[in-house]
Amino acid sequence: MNIVEYTEFLVKSLVEDPEMIKVEEFKEDENTIIEVMVPEADMKYVIGKAGKNAHALRTLVYAYAYIHKMHKIKLNIEAF
């Protein structure tokens, strides 16, 4: 399982409509950007109360990257 599949698994477990989730990976030099696209209606589940779900999601993704000795990761959560 790569980092995109792992992130997609985590986000899909939080939302009501998992089929609408889109996760993409972009590389910039040594950095990697993971972009998560979530429907506007499901943003409240991904962000969580006071941003706690988003913070926990970032922590898990960064830990995955650290364990697999990946370079710097940035996680962007966007609504459509």
Protein backbone atom coordinates (compact mmCIF):
# COMPACT_ATOMS: atom_id res chain seq x y z
CA MET A 1 0.00 0.00 0.00
CA ASN A 2 1.49 3.34 -1.02
CA ILE A 3 0.88 6.68 0.67
CA VAL A 4 -1.93 7.69 -1.72
CA GLU A 5 -3.85 4.47 -1.07
CA TYR A 6 -3.27 4.84 2.67
CA THR A 7 -4.52 8.44 2.68
CA GLU A 8 -7.52 7.49 0.56
CA PHE A 9 -8.38 4.67 2.97
CA LEU A 10 -8.23 7.03 5.95
CA VAL A 11 -10.36 9.74 4.35
CA LYS A 12 -12.95 7.31 2.97
CA SER A 13 -13.49 5.95 6.47
CA LEU A 14 -14.51 9.44 7.65
CA VAL A 15 -17.05 10.54 5.02
CA GLU A 16 -20.61 9.55 4.14
CA ASP A 17 -20.01 9.17 0.39
CA PRO A 18 -16.59 7.51 -0.08
CA GLU A 19 -16.96 7.24 -3.87
CA MET A 20 -16.60 11.02 -4.24
CA ILE A 21 -13.15 11.20 -2.62
CA LYS A 22 -10.16 11.88 -4.85
CA VAL A 23 -6.53 11.69 -3.69
CA GLU A 24 -3.61 12.71 -5.90
CA GLU A 25 0.14 12.87 -5.43
CA PHE A 26 2.36 15.62 -6.83
CA LYS A 27 6.16 15.71 -6.64
CA GLU A 28 8.20 18.90 -6.28
CA ASP A 29 11.95 18.22 -6.17
CA GLU A 30 12.32 16.21 -2.94
CA ASN A 31 8.91 17.19 -1.55
CA THR A 32 5.66 15.33 -2.10
CA ILE A 33 2.23 16.97 -1.97
CA ILE A 34 -0.80 14.80 -1.27
CA GLU A 35 -4.00 16.56 -2.32
CA VAL A 36 -7.31 15.28 -0.98
CA MET A 37 -10.45 16.45 -2.77
CA VAL A 38 -13.62 16.11 -0.69
CA PRO A 39 -17.21 17.19 -1.47
CA GLU A 40 -18.26 20.35 0.37
CA ALA A 41 -20.93 18.42 2.30
CA ASP A 42 -18.35 15.98 3.72
CA MET A 43 -15.74 18.58 4.72
CA LYS A 44 -17.21 18.79 8.22
CA TYR A 45 -16.35 15.12 8.77
CA VAL A 46 -12.80 15.41 7.44
CA ILE A 47 -11.99 18.63 9.32
CA GLY A 48 -13.79 17.61 12.51
CA LYS A 49 -14.53 19.71 15.55
CA ALA A 50 -11.87 22.40 15.92
CA GLY A 51 -9.78 20.67 13.22
CA LYS A 52 -9.04 17.58 15.31
CA ASN A 53 -9.77 15.06 12.53
CA ALA A 54 -7.62 16.97 10.05
CA HIS A 55 -4.78 17.17 12.56
CA ALA A 56 -5.02 13.44 13.30
CA LEU A 57 -5.14 12.65 9.55
CA ARG A 58 -1.99 14.69 8.95
CA THR A 59 -0.25 13.00 11.88
CA LEU A 60 -1.03 9.53 10.51
CA VAL A 61 0.09 10.40 6.97
CA TYR A 62 3.31 12.00 8.23
CA ALA A 63 4.00 8.96 10.43
CA TYR A 64 3.49 6.67 7.42
CA ALA A 65 5.97 8.76 5.43
CA TYR A 66 8.49 8.69 8.27
CA ILE A 67 8.24 4.91 8.70
CA HIS A 68 8.74 4.37 4.96
CA LYS A 69 11.66 6.83 4.87
CA MET A 70 9.97 9.19 2.43
CA HIS A 71 10.99 12.79 1.96
CA LYS A 72 8.98 15.71 3.22
CA ILE A 73 5.21 15.30 2.79
CA LYS A 74 2.56 18.00 2.70
CA LEU A 75 -1.16 17.16 2.96
CA ASN A 76 -3.67 19.55 1.40
CA ILE A 77 -7.41 19.08 1.99
CA GLU A 78 -9.63 20.83 -0.54
CA ALA A 79 -13.39 20.96 -1.15
CA PHE A 80 -15.21 20.87 -4.47
